[in-house]
Amino acid sequence: MSGRLARAHESGDPVPAQWSWLRTAEEFSEERLLVEAAYADGRFGHFFPTLSHGTLRLRSVHRQQGAKEVSITPLSGGSYRLENPRLLNPTVVDSLGEALSVASEALASDE
């Protein structure tokens, strides 16, 4: 997969390629609902998405230290935990829609 991402970087914008891969790759089928919801939301398309252990991480594409970032982790019972490296305590919400709203607010206010 590093070749796929390297080609996307060379083309100038790896973000759409990464979203496409996460939305279609078989290995991410369990996370598909979360990825599709974030993608369809429209507020996260310019953030670079990654998946690890069921957690969707959205990060600004700028490679400087302190870039904007938020992680969304599904929990049992349908709730979600959101983490932002600049905040000490994670936030737990009851729905995916609420998780996306909180993530958007965190990324917008994370200056």
PDB file of N, CA and C in Angstrom:
ATOM      1  N   MET A   1       0.795  -1.205   0.000  1.00  0.00           N
ATOM      2  CA  MET A   1       0.000   0.000   0.000  1.00  0.00           C
ATOM      3  C   MET A   1       0.839   1.272   0.000  1.00  0.00           C
ATOM      4  N   SER A   2       2.106   1.176   0.390  1.00  0.00           N
ATOM      5  CA  SER A   2       2.930   2.380   0.395  1.00  0.00           C
ATOM      6  C   SER A   2       3.119   2.930  -1.010  1.00  0.00           C
ATOM      7  N   GLY A   3       3.138   2.073  -2.032  1.00  0.00           N
ATOM      8  CA  GLY A   3       3.247   2.535  -3.408  1.00  0.00           C
ATOM      9  C   GLY A   3       2.043   3.357  -3.813  1.00  0.00           C
ATOM     10  N   ARG A   4       0.846   2.936  -3.406  1.00  0.00           N
ATOM     11  CA  ARG A   4      -0.386   3.651  -3.695  1.00  0.00           C
ATOM     12  C   ARG A   4      -0.336   5.050  -3.086  1.00  0.00           C
ATOM     13  N   LEU A   5       0.065   5.134  -1.852  1.00  0.00           N
ATOM     14  CA  LEU A   5       0.110   6.419  -1.171  1.00  0.00           C
ATOM     15  C   LEU A   5       1.247   7.293  -1.694  1.00  0.00           C
ATOM     16  N   ALA A   6       2.368   6.687  -2.024  1.00  0.00           N
ATOM     17  CA  ALA A   6       3.486   7.455  -2.591  1.00  0.00           C
ATOM     18  C   ALA A   6       3.084   8.090  -3.918  1.00  0.00           C
ATOM     19  N   ARG A   7       2.385   7.343  -4.762  1.00  0.00           N
ATOM     20  CA  ARG A   7       1.908   7.909  -6.033  1.00  0.00           C
ATOM     21  C   ARG A   7       0.932   9.046  -5.788  1.00  0.00           C
ATOM     22  N   ALA A   8       0.075   8.901  -4.792  1.00  0.00           N
ATOM     23  CA  ALA A   8      -0.881   9.964  -4.473  1.00  0.00           C
ATOM     24  C   ALA A   8      -0.156  11.212  -3.987  1.00  0.00           C
ATOM     25  N   HIS A   9       0.880  11.063  -3.177  1.00  0.00           N
ATOM     26  CA  HIS A   9       1.676  12.204  -2.717  1.00  0.00           C
ATOM     27  C   HIS A   9       2.340  12.897  -3.896  1.00  0.00           C
ATOM     28  N   GLU A  10       2.873  12.107  -4.823  1.00  0.00           N
ATOM     29  CA  GLU A  10       3.533  12.674  -5.994  1.00  0.00           C
ATOM     30  C   GLU A  10       2.560  13.448  -6.861  1.00  0.00           C
ATOM     31  N   SER A  11       1.295  13.016  -6.899  1.00  0.00           N
ATOM     32  CA  SER A  11       0.293  13.714  -7.707  1.00  0.00           C
ATOM     33  C   SER A  11      -0.136  15.029  -7.061  1.00  0.00           C
ATOM     34  N   GLY A  12       0.242  15.238  -5.805  1.00  0.00           N
ATOM     35  CA  GLY A  12      -0.035  16.503  -5.150  1.00  0.00           C
ATOM     36  C   GLY A  12      -1.098  16.480  -4.074  1.00  0.00           C
ATOM     37  N   ASP A  13      -2.012  15.509  -4.089  1.00  0.00           N
ATOM     38  CA  ASP A  13      -3.071  15.496  -3.090  1.00  0.00           C
ATOM     39  C   ASP A  13      -3.403  14.062  -2.686  1.00  0.00           C
ATOM     40  N   PRO A  14      -2.807  13.579  -1.600  1.00  0.00           N
ATOM     41  CA  PRO A  14      -3.049  12.195  -1.173  1.00  0.00           C
ATOM     42  C   PRO A  14      -4.385  11.992  -0.465  1.00  0.00           C
ATOM     43  N   VAL A  15      -5.058  13.065  -0.068  1.00  0.00           N
ATOM     44  CA  VAL A  15      -6.273  12.931   0.738  1.00  0.00           C
ATOM     45  C   VAL A  15      -7.380  12.177  -0.004  1.00  0.00           C
ATOM     46  N   PRO A  16      -7.752  12.549  -1.241  1.00  0.00           N
ATOM     47  CA  PRO A  16      -8.806  11.792  -1.921  1.00  0.00           C
ATOM     48  C   PRO A  16      -8.456  10.318  -2.126  1.00  0.00           C
ATOM     49  N   ALA A  17      -7.198  10.024  -2.432  1.00  0.00           N
ATOM     50  CA  ALA A  17      -6.781   8.640  -2.617  1.00  0.00           C
ATOM     51  C   ALA A  17      -6.923   7.849  -1.320  1.00  0.00           C
ATOM     52  N   GLN A  18      -6.587   8.460  -0.210  1.00  0.00           N
ATOM     53  CA  GLN A  18      -6.689   7.780   1.088  1.00  0.00           C
ATOM     54  C   GLN A  18      -8.150   7.523   1.444  1.00  0.00           C
ATOM     55  N   TRP A  19      -9.021   8.513   1.247  1.00  0.00           N
ATOM     56  CA  TRP A  19     -10.446   8.316   1.499  1.00  0.00           C
ATOM     57  C   TRP A  19     -10.979   7.168   0.631  1.00  0.00           C
ATOM     58  N   SER A  20     -10.622   7.173  -0.640  1.00  0.00           N
ATOM     59  CA  SER A  20     -11.092   6.133  -1.557  1.00  0.00           C
ATOM     60  C   SER A  20     -10.654   4.750  -1.086  1.00  0.00           C
ATOM     61  N   TRP A  21      -9.406   4.636  -0.694  1.00  0.00           N
ATOM     62  CA  TRP A  21      -8.888   3.355  -0.230  1.00  0.00           C
ATOM     63  C   TRP A  21      -9.623   2.874   1.022  1.00  0.00           C
ATOM     64  N   LEU A  22      -9.802   3.752   2.005  1.00  0.00           N
ATOM     65  CA  LEU A  22     -10.479   3.358   3.244  1.00  0.00           C
ATOM     66  C   LEU A  22     -11.937   2.989   2.984  1.00  0.00           C
ATOM     67  N   ARG A  23     -12.546   3.613   1.990  1.00  0.00           N
ATOM     68  CA  ARG A  23     -13.958   3.352   1.680  1.00  0.00           C
ATOM     69  C   ARG A  23     -14.168   2.067   0.891  1.00  0.00           C
ATOM     70  N   THR A  24     -13.116   1.554   0.263  1.00  0.00           N
ATOM     71  CA  THR A  24     -13.300   0.398  -0.614  1.00  0.00           C
ATOM     72  C   THR A  24     -12.493  -0.841  -0.232  1.00  0.00           C
ATOM     73  N   ALA A  25     -11.439  -0.703   0.533  1.00  0.00           N
ATOM     74  CA  ALA A  25     -10.576  -1.842   0.854  1.00  0.00           C
ATOM     75  C   ALA A  25     -11.307  -2.850   1.747  1.00  0.00           C
ATOM     76  N   GLU A  26     -11.206  -4.093   1.380  1.00  0.00           N
ATOM     77  CA  GLU A  26     -11.880  -5.165   2.110  1.00  0.00           C
ATOM     78  C   GLU A  26     -11.446  -5.227   3.574  1.00  0.00           C
ATOM     79  N   GLU A  27     -10.182  -4.951   3.851  1.00  0.00           N
ATOM     80  CA  GLU A  27      -9.699  -5.058   5.232  1.00  0.00           C
ATOM     81  C   GLU A  27     -10.351  -4.059   6.186  1.00  0.00           C
ATOM     82  N   PHE A  28     -11.057  -3.078   5.630  1.00  0.00           N
ATOM     83  CA  PHE A  28     -11.721  -2.092   6.478  1.00  0.00           C
ATOM     84  C   PHE A  28     -13.239  -2.238   6.482  1.00  0.00           C
ATOM     85  N   SER A  29     -13.725  -3.393   6.113  1.00  0.00           N
ATOM     86  CA  SER A  29     -15.177  -3.585   6.028  1.00  0.00           C
ATOM     87  C   SER A  29     -15.875  -3.375   7.376  1.00  0.00           C
ATOM     88  N   GLU A  30     -15.223  -3.735   8.466  1.00  0.00           N
ATOM     89  CA  GLU A  30     -15.845  -3.557   9.785  1.00  0.00           C
ATOM     90  C   GLU A  30     -15.974  -2.086  10.163  1.00  0.00           C
ATOM     91  N   GLU A  31     -15.123  -1.240   9.624  1.00  0.00           N
ATOM     92  CA  GLU A  31     -15.147   0.185   9.931  1.00  0.00           C
ATOM     93  C   GLU A  31     -15.905   0.990   8.877  1.00  0.00           C
ATOM     94  N   ARG A  32     -16.487   0.311   7.880  1.00  0.00           N
ATOM     95  CA  ARG A  32     -17.101   0.981   6.735  1.00  0.00           C
ATOM     96  C   ARG A  32     -18.164   2.009   7.148  1.00  0.00           C
ATOM     97  N   LEU A  33     -19.022   1.681   8.088  1.00  0.00           N
ATOM     98  CA  LEU A  33     -20.074   2.609   8.511  1.00  0.00           C
ATOM     99  C   LEU A  33     -19.477   3.921   9.013  1.00  0.00           C
ATOM    100  N   LEU A  34     -18.474   3.832   9.850  1.00  0.00           N
ATOM    101  CA  LEU A  34     -17.824   5.023  10.396  1.00  0.00           C
ATOM    102  C   LEU A  34     -17.148   5.832   9.290  1.00  0.00           C
ATOM    103  N   VAL A  35     -16.402   5.162   8.431  1.00  0.00           N
ATOM    104  CA  VAL A  35     -15.681   5.854   7.352  1.00  0.00           C
ATOM    105  C   VAL A  35     -16.667   6.508   6.385  1.00  0.00           C
ATOM    106  N   GLU A  36     -17.683   5.773   5.966  1.00  0.00           N
ATOM    107  CA  GLU A  36     -18.668   6.320   5.024  1.00  0.00           C
ATOM    108  C   GLU A  36     -19.424   7.505   5.625  1.00  0.00           C
ATOM    109  N   ALA A  37     -19.770   7.405   6.900  1.00  0.00           N
ATOM    110  CA  ALA A  37     -20.480   8.508   7.545  1.00  0.00           C
ATOM    111  C   ALA A  37     -19.616   9.757   7.603  1.00  0.00           C
ATOM    112  N   ALA A  38     -18.358   9.610   7.954  1.00  0.00           N
ATOM    113  CA  ALA A  38     -17.448  10.760   8.015  1.00  0.00           C
ATOM    114  C   ALA A  38     -17.235  11.351   6.619  1.00  0.00           C
ATOM    115  N   TYR A  39     -17.077  10.492   5.631  1.00  0.00           N
ATOM    116  CA  TYR A  39     -16.863  10.958   4.261  1.00  0.00           C
ATOM    117  C   TYR A  39     -18.098  11.695   3.730  1.00  0.00           C
ATOM    118  N   ALA A  40     -19.271  11.100   3.935  1.00  0.00           N
ATOM    119  CA  ALA A  40     -20.517  11.672   3.435  1.00  0.00           C
ATOM    120  C   ALA A  40     -20.896  12.969   4.156  1.00  0.00           C
ATOM    121  N   ASP A  41     -20.412  13.134   5.365  1.00  0.00           N
ATOM    122  CA  ASP A  41     -20.735  14.317   6.162  1.00  0.00           C
ATOM    123  C   ASP A  41     -20.342  15.611   5.465  1.00  0.00           C
ATOM    124  N   GLY A  42     -19.230  15.599   4.755  1.00  0.00           N
ATOM    125  CA  GLY A  42     -18.793  16.775   4.007  1.00  0.00           C
ATOM    126  C   GLY A  42     -17.868  17.717   4.748  1.00  0.00           C
ATOM    127  N   ARG A  43     -17.743  17.579   6.049  1.00  0.00           N
ATOM    128  CA  ARG A  43     -16.887  18.487   6.819  1.00  0.00           C
ATOM    129  C   ARG A  43     -15.460  17.974   6.988  1.00  0.00           C
ATOM    130  N   PHE A  44     -15.183  16.747   6.548  1.00  0.00           N
ATOM    131  CA  PHE A  44     -13.889  16.136   6.838  1.00  0.00           C
ATOM    132  C   PHE A  44     -13.064  15.802   5.594  1.00  0.00           C
ATOM    133  N   GLY A  45     -13.562  16.131   4.429  1.00  0.00           N
ATOM    134  CA  GLY A  45     -12.919  15.747   3.184  1.00  0.00           C
ATOM    135  C   GLY A  45     -11.516  16.265   2.987  1.00  0.00           C
ATOM    136  N   HIS A  46     -11.149  17.352   3.662  1.00  0.00           N
ATOM    137  CA  HIS A  46      -9.792  17.892   3.500  1.00  0.00           C
ATOM    138  C   HIS A  46      -8.840  17.399   4.599  1.00  0.00           C
ATOM    139  N   PHE A  47      -9.340  16.556   5.508  1.00  0.00           N
ATOM    140  CA  PHE A  47      -8.493  15.953   6.530  1.00  0.00           C
ATOM    141  C   PHE A  47      -8.039  14.577   6.064  1.00  0.00           C
ATOM    142  N   PHE A  48      -6.801  14.216   6.370  1.00  0.00           N
ATOM    143  CA  PHE A  48      -6.238  12.926   5.987  1.00  0.00           C
ATOM    144  C   PHE A  48      -6.746  11.869   6.960  1.00  0.00           C
ATOM    145  N   PRO A  49      -7.481  10.848   6.466  1.00  0.00           N
ATOM    146  CA  PRO A  49      -8.030   9.824   7.353  1.00  0.00           C
ATOM    147  C   PRO A  49      -7.114   8.608   7.459  1.00  0.00           C
ATOM    148  N   THR A  50      -7.032   8.051   8.644  1.00  0.00           N
ATOM    149  CA  THR A  50      -6.360   6.767   8.840  1.00  0.00           C
ATOM    150  C   THR A  50      -7.229   5.915   9.757  1.00  0.00           C
ATOM    151  N   LEU A  51      -7.052   4.620   9.669  1.00  0.00           N
ATOM    152  CA  LEU A  51      -7.759   3.677  10.541  1.00  0.00           C
ATOM    153  C   LEU A  51      -6.748   2.802  11.245  1.00  0.00           C
ATOM    154  N   SER A  52      -6.963   2.610  12.531  1.00  0.00           N
ATOM    155  CA  SER A  52      -6.130   1.707  13.299  1.00  0.00           C
ATOM    156  C   SER A  52      -6.944   1.163  14.463  1.00  0.00           C
ATOM    157  N   HIS A  53      -7.039  -0.144  14.529  1.00  0.00           N
ATOM    158  CA  HIS A  53      -7.755  -0.816  15.617  1.00  0.00           C
ATOM    159  C   HIS A  53      -9.173  -0.281  15.787  1.00  0.00           C
ATOM    160  N   GLY A  54      -9.855  -0.022  14.678  1.00  0.00           N
ATOM    161  CA  GLY A  54     -11.232   0.438  14.711  1.00  0.00           C
ATOM    162  C   GLY A  54     -11.410   1.921  14.923  1.00  0.00           C
ATOM    163  N   THR A  55     -10.331   2.649  15.108  1.00  0.00           N
ATOM    164  CA  THR A  55     -10.392   4.091  15.359  1.00  0.00           C
ATOM    165  C   THR A  55     -10.111   4.861  14.071  1.00  0.00           C
ATOM    166  N   LEU A  56     -10.994   5.798  13.754  1.00  0.00           N
ATOM    167  CA  LEU A  56     -10.783   6.687  12.620  1.00  0.00           C
ATOM    168  C   LEU A  56     -10.092   7.939  13.122  1.00  0.00           C
ATOM    169  N   ARG A  57      -8.952   8.237  12.541  1.00  0.00           N
ATOM    170  CA  ARG A  57      -8.198   9.432  12.911  1.00  0.00           C
ATOM    171  C   ARG A  57      -8.238  10.390  11.730  1.00  0.00           C
ATOM    172  N   LEU A  58      -8.592  11.631  12.005  1.00  0.00           N
ATOM    173  CA  LEU A  58      -8.636  12.683  10.999  1.00  0.00           C
ATOM    174  C   LEU A  58      -7.580  13.711  11.363  1.00  0.00           C
ATOM    175  N   ARG A  59      -6.715  14.008  10.401  1.00  0.00           N
ATOM    176  CA  ARG A  59      -5.586  14.896  10.687  1.00  0.00           C
ATOM    177  C   ARG A  59      -5.414  15.869   9.538  1.00  0.00           C
ATOM    178  N   SER A  60      -5.089  17.112   9.880  1.00  0.00           N
ATOM    179  CA  SER A  60      -4.813  18.073   8.821  1.00  0.00           C
ATOM    180  C   SER A  60      -3.612  17.591   8.028  1.00  0.00           C
ATOM    181  N   VAL A  61      -3.569  17.931   6.773  1.00  0.00           N
ATOM    182  CA  VAL A  61      -2.512  17.417   5.903  1.00  0.00           C
ATOM    183  C   VAL A  61      -1.198  18.150   6.095  1.00  0.00           C
ATOM    184  N   HIS A  62      -1.216  19.223   6.825  1.00  0.00           N
ATOM    185  CA  HIS A  62       0.024  19.938   7.098  1.00  0.00           C
ATOM    186  C   HIS A  62       0.904  19.078   7.997  1.00  0.00           C
ATOM    187  N   ARG A  63       2.146  18.979   7.690  1.00  0.00           N
ATOM    188  CA  ARG A  63       3.043  18.088   8.431  1.00  0.00           C
ATOM    189  C   ARG A  63       3.771  18.794   9.576  1.00  0.00           C
ATOM    190  N   GLN A  64       3.259  19.903  10.013  1.00  0.00           N
ATOM    191  CA  GLN A  64       3.920  20.577  11.120  1.00  0.00           C
ATOM    192  C   GLN A  64       3.481  19.975  12.453  1.00  0.00           C
ATOM    193  N   GLN A  65       4.308  20.173  13.437  1.00  0.00           N
ATOM    194  CA  GLN A  65       3.970  19.715  14.784  1.00  0.00           C
ATOM    195  C   GLN A  65       2.746  20.490  15.242  1.00  0.00           C
ATOM    196  N   GLY A  66       1.825  19.819  15.887  1.00  0.00           N
ATOM    197  CA  GLY A  66       0.629  20.472  16.385  1.00  0.00           C
ATOM    198  C   GLY A  66      -0.462  20.597  15.342  1.00  0.00           C
ATOM    199  N   ALA A  67      -0.427  19.789  14.288  1.00  0.00           N
ATOM    200  CA  ALA A  67      -1.471  19.817  13.264  1.00  0.00           C
ATOM    201  C   ALA A  67      -2.808  19.448  13.901  1.00  0.00           C
ATOM    202  N   LYS A  68      -3.889  19.909  13.298  1.00  0.00           N
ATOM    203  CA  LYS A  68      -5.227  19.589  13.790  1.00  0.00           C
ATOM    204  C   LYS A  68      -5.472  18.095  13.664  1.00  0.00           C
ATOM    205  N   GLU A  69      -6.089  17.524  14.710  1.00  0.00           N
ATOM    206  CA  GLU A  69      -6.289  16.076  14.723  1.00  0.00           C
ATOM    207  C   GLU A  69      -7.409  15.699  15.683  1.00  0.00           C
ATOM    208  N   VAL A  70      -8.170  14.673  15.314  1.00  0.00           N
ATOM    209  CA  VAL A  70      -9.177  14.107  16.204  1.00  0.00           C
ATOM    210  C   VAL A  70      -9.320  12.622  15.869  1.00  0.00           C
ATOM    211  N   SER A  71      -9.612  11.821  16.891  1.00  0.00           N
ATOM    212  CA  SER A  71      -9.831  10.384  16.716  1.00  0.00           C
ATOM    213  C   SER A  71     -11.232  10.033  17.172  1.00  0.00           C
ATOM    214  N   ILE A  72     -11.897   9.164  16.407  1.00  0.00           N
ATOM    215  CA  ILE A  72     -13.250   8.714  16.722  1.00  0.00           C
ATOM    216  C   ILE A  72     -13.216   7.196  16.861  1.00  0.00           C
ATOM    217  N   THR A  73     -13.595   6.703  18.035  1.00  0.00           N
ATOM    218  CA  THR A  73     -13.570   5.272  18.311  1.00  0.00           C
ATOM    219  C   THR A  73     -14.959   4.784  18.686  1.00  0.00           C
ATOM    220  N   PRO A  74     -15.515   3.824  17.930  1.00  0.00           N
ATOM    221  CA  PRO A  74     -16.796   3.234  18.324  1.00  0.00           C
ATOM    222  C   PRO A  74     -16.628   2.429  19.616  1.00  0.00           C
ATOM    223  N   LEU A  75     -17.607   2.536  20.490  1.00  0.00           N
ATOM    224  CA  LEU A  75     -17.624   1.776  21.737  1.00  0.00           C
ATOM    225  C   LEU A  75     -18.813   0.832  21.730  1.00  0.00           C
ATOM    226  N   SER A  76     -18.815  -0.115  22.626  1.00  0.00           N
ATOM    227  CA  SER A  76     -19.951  -1.030  22.702  1.00  0.00           C
ATOM    228  C   SER A  76     -21.211  -0.250  23.069  1.00  0.00           C
ATOM    229  N   GLY A  77     -22.334  -0.716  22.595  1.00  0.00           N
ATOM    230  CA  GLY A  77     -23.595  -0.061  22.903  1.00  0.00           C
ATOM    231  C   GLY A  77     -23.925   1.103  21.985  1.00  0.00           C
ATOM    232  N   GLY A  78     -23.109   1.355  20.963  1.00  0.00           N
ATOM    233  CA  GLY A  78     -23.422   2.402  20.000  1.00  0.00           C
ATOM    234  C   GLY A  78     -22.886   3.774  20.332  1.00  0.00           C
ATOM    235  N   SER A  79     -22.124   3.914  21.396  1.00  0.00           N
ATOM    236  CA  SER A  79     -21.548   5.222  21.718  1.00  0.00           C
ATOM    237  C   SER A  79     -20.165   5.345  21.063  1.00  0.00           C
ATOM    238  N   TYR A  80     -19.611   6.565  21.118  1.00  0.00           N
ATOM    239  CA  TYR A  80     -18.325   6.857  20.484  1.00  0.00           C
ATOM    240  C   TYR A  80     -17.463   7.694  21.414  1.00  0.00           C
ATOM    241  N   ARG A  81     -16.155   7.426  21.391  1.00  0.00           N
ATOM    242  CA  ARG A  81     -15.194   8.212  22.157  1.00  0.00           C
ATOM    243  C   ARG A  81     -14.412   9.072  21.165  1.00  0.00           C
ATOM    244  N   LEU A  82     -14.295  10.359  21.489  1.00  0.00           N
ATOM    245  CA  LEU A  82     -13.515  11.281  20.677  1.00  0.00           C
ATOM    246  C   LEU A  82     -12.340  11.761  21.473  1.00  0.00           C
ATOM    247  N   GLU A  83     -11.182  11.783  20.818  1.00  0.00           N
ATOM    248  CA  GLU A  83      -9.970  12.244  21.470  1.00  0.00           C
ATOM    249  C   GLU A  83      -9.279  13.263  20.576  1.00  0.00           C
ATOM    250  N   ASN A  84      -8.757  14.268  21.230  1.00  0.00           N
ATOM    251  CA  ASN A  84      -7.996  15.313  20.566  1.00  0.00           C
ATOM    252  C   ASN A  84      -6.710  15.438  21.371  1.00  0.00           C
ATOM    253  N   PRO A  85      -5.551  15.302  20.744  1.00  0.00           N
ATOM    254  CA  PRO A  85      -4.291  15.320  21.506  1.00  0.00           C
ATOM    255  C   PRO A  85      -4.082  16.575  22.349  1.00  0.00           C
ATOM    256  N   ARG A  86      -4.760  17.649  22.027  1.00  0.00           N
ATOM    257  CA  ARG A  86      -4.593  18.888  22.788  1.00  0.00           C
ATOM    258  C   ARG A  86      -5.495  18.961  24.020  1.00  0.00           C
ATOM    259  N   LEU A  87      -6.427  18.021  24.135  1.00  0.00           N
ATOM    260  CA  LEU A  87      -7.325  18.007  25.282  1.00  0.00           C
ATOM    261  C   LEU A  87      -6.966  16.841  26.184  1.00  0.00           C
ATOM    262  N   LEU A  88      -7.109  17.025  27.475  1.00  0.00           N
ATOM    263  CA  LEU A  88      -6.723  15.977  28.420  1.00  0.00           C
ATOM    264  C   LEU A  88      -7.729  14.840  28.489  1.00  0.00           C
ATOM    265  N   ASN A  89      -9.012  15.158  28.447  1.00  0.00           N
ATOM    266  CA  ASN A  89     -10.035  14.144  28.648  1.00  0.00           C
ATOM    267  C   ASN A  89     -10.768  13.835  27.349  1.00  0.00           C
ATOM    268  N   PRO A  90     -10.968  12.555  27.055  1.00  0.00           N
ATOM    269  CA  PRO A  90     -11.770  12.207  25.878  1.00  0.00           C
ATOM    270  C   PRO A  90     -13.241  12.534  26.123  1.00  0.00           C
ATOM    271  N   THR A  91     -13.983  12.673  25.051  1.00  0.00           N
ATOM    272  CA  THR A  91     -15.418  12.933  25.108  1.00  0.00           C
ATOM    273  C   THR A  91     -16.138  11.682  24.638  1.00  0.00           C
ATOM    274  N   VAL A  92     -17.179  11.277  25.345  1.00  0.00           N
ATOM    275  CA  VAL A  92     -17.993  10.134  24.932  1.00  0.00           C
ATOM    276  C   VAL A  92     -19.379  10.661  24.591  1.00  0.00           C
ATOM    277  N   VAL A  93     -19.879  10.257  23.409  1.00  0.00           N
ATOM    278  CA  VAL A  93     -21.201  10.679  22.942  1.00  0.00           C
ATOM    279  C   VAL A  93     -22.030   9.450  22.598  1.00  0.00           C
ATOM    280  N   ASP A  94     -23.338   9.648  22.446  1.00  0.00           N
ATOM    281  CA  ASP A  94     -24.257   8.523  22.289  1.00  0.00           C
ATOM    282  C   ASP A  94     -24.506   8.058  20.863  1.00  0.00           C
ATOM    283  N   SER A  95     -24.128   8.861  19.857  1.00  0.00           N
ATOM    284  CA  SER A  95     -24.453   8.473  18.484  1.00  0.00           C
ATOM    285  C   SER A  95     -23.347   8.884  17.519  1.00  0.00           C
ATOM    286  N   LEU A  96     -23.380   8.281  16.348  1.00  0.00           N
ATOM    287  CA  LEU A  96     -22.406   8.617  15.314  1.00  0.00           C
ATOM    288  C   LEU A  96     -22.594  10.049  14.837  1.00  0.00           C
ATOM    289  N   GLY A  97     -23.829  10.476  14.672  1.00  0.00           N
ATOM    290  CA  GLY A  97     -24.088  11.856  14.264  1.00  0.00           C
ATOM    291  C   GLY A  97     -23.518  12.858  15.250  1.00  0.00           C
ATOM    292  N   GLU A  98     -23.706  12.591  16.527  1.00  0.00           N
ATOM    293  CA  GLU A  98     -23.161  13.458  17.567  1.00  0.00           C
ATOM    294  C   GLU A  98     -21.632  13.419  17.553  1.00  0.00           C
ATOM    295  N   ALA A  99     -21.063  12.246  17.310  1.00  0.00           N
ATOM    296  CA  ALA A  99     -19.604  12.119  17.242  1.00  0.00           C
ATOM    297  C   ALA A  99     -19.043  12.973  16.115  1.00  0.00           C
ATOM    298  N   LEU A 100     -19.698  12.955  14.964  1.00  0.00           N
ATOM    299  CA  LEU A 100     -19.223  13.755  13.836  1.00  0.00           C
ATOM    300  C   LEU A 100     -19.349  15.246  14.120  1.00  0.00           C
ATOM    301  N   SER A 101     -20.401  15.644  14.794  1.00  0.00           N
ATOM    302  CA  SER A 101     -20.564  17.060  15.152  1.00  0.00           C
ATOM    303  C   SER A 101     -19.483  17.516  16.124  1.00  0.00           C
ATOM    304  N   VAL A 102     -19.212  16.703  17.132  1.00  0.00           N
ATOM    305  CA  VAL A 102     -18.176  17.043  18.110  1.00  0.00           C
ATOM    306  C   VAL A 102     -16.805  17.070  17.436  1.00  0.00           C
ATOM    307  N   ALA A 103     -16.548  16.110  16.553  1.00  0.00           N
ATOM    308  CA  ALA A 103     -15.271  16.079  15.834  1.00  0.00           C
ATOM    309  C   ALA A 103     -15.105  17.331  14.980  1.00  0.00           C
ATOM    310  N   SER A 104     -16.160  17.726  14.295  1.00  0.00           N
ATOM    311  CA  SER A 104     -16.095  18.918  13.458  1.00  0.00           C
ATOM    312  C   SER A 104     -15.821  20.161  14.284  1.00  0.00           C
ATOM    313  N   GLU A 105     -16.484  20.286  15.412  1.00  0.00           N
ATOM    314  CA  GLU A 105     -16.263  21.421  16.309  1.00  0.00           C
ATOM    315  C   GLU A 105     -14.821  21.441  16.828  1.00  0.00           C
ATOM    316  N   ALA A 106     -14.320  20.267  17.194  1.00  0.00           N
ATOM    317  CA  ALA A 106     -12.947  20.180  17.720  1.00  0.00           C
ATOM    318  C   ALA A 106     -11.945  20.579  16.652  1.00  0.00           C
ATOM    319  N   LEU A 107     -12.150  20.148  15.435  1.00  0.00           N
ATOM    320  CA  LEU A 107     -11.210  20.478  14.365  1.00  0.00           C
ATOM    321  C   LEU A 107     -11.307  21.944  13.961  1.00  0.00           C
ATOM    322  N   ALA A 108     -12.503  22.505  14.023  1.00  0.00           N
ATOM    323  CA  ALA A 108     -12.694  23.907  13.653  1.00  0.00           C
ATOM    324  C   ALA A 108     -12.103  24.844  14.706  1.00  0.00           C
ATOM    325  N   SER A 109     -12.192  24.456  15.979  1.00  0.00           N
ATOM    326  CA  SER A 109     -11.728  25.342  17.052  1.00  0.00           C
ATOM    327  C   SER A 109     -10.307  25.036  17.487  1.00  0.00           C
ATOM    328  N   ASP A 110      -9.710  24.026  16.935  1.00  0.00           N
ATOM    329  CA  ASP A 110      -8.367  23.586  17.332  1.00  0.00           C
ATOM    330  C   ASP A 110      -7.321  24.457  16.656  1.00  0.00           C
ATOM    331  N   GLU A 111      -7.100  25.603  17.213  1.00  0.00           N
ATOM    332  CA  GLU A 111      -6.150  26.551  16.597  1.00  0.00           C
ATOM    333  C   GLU A 111      -4.772  26.415  17.182  1.00  0.00           C
TER     334      GLU A 111
END
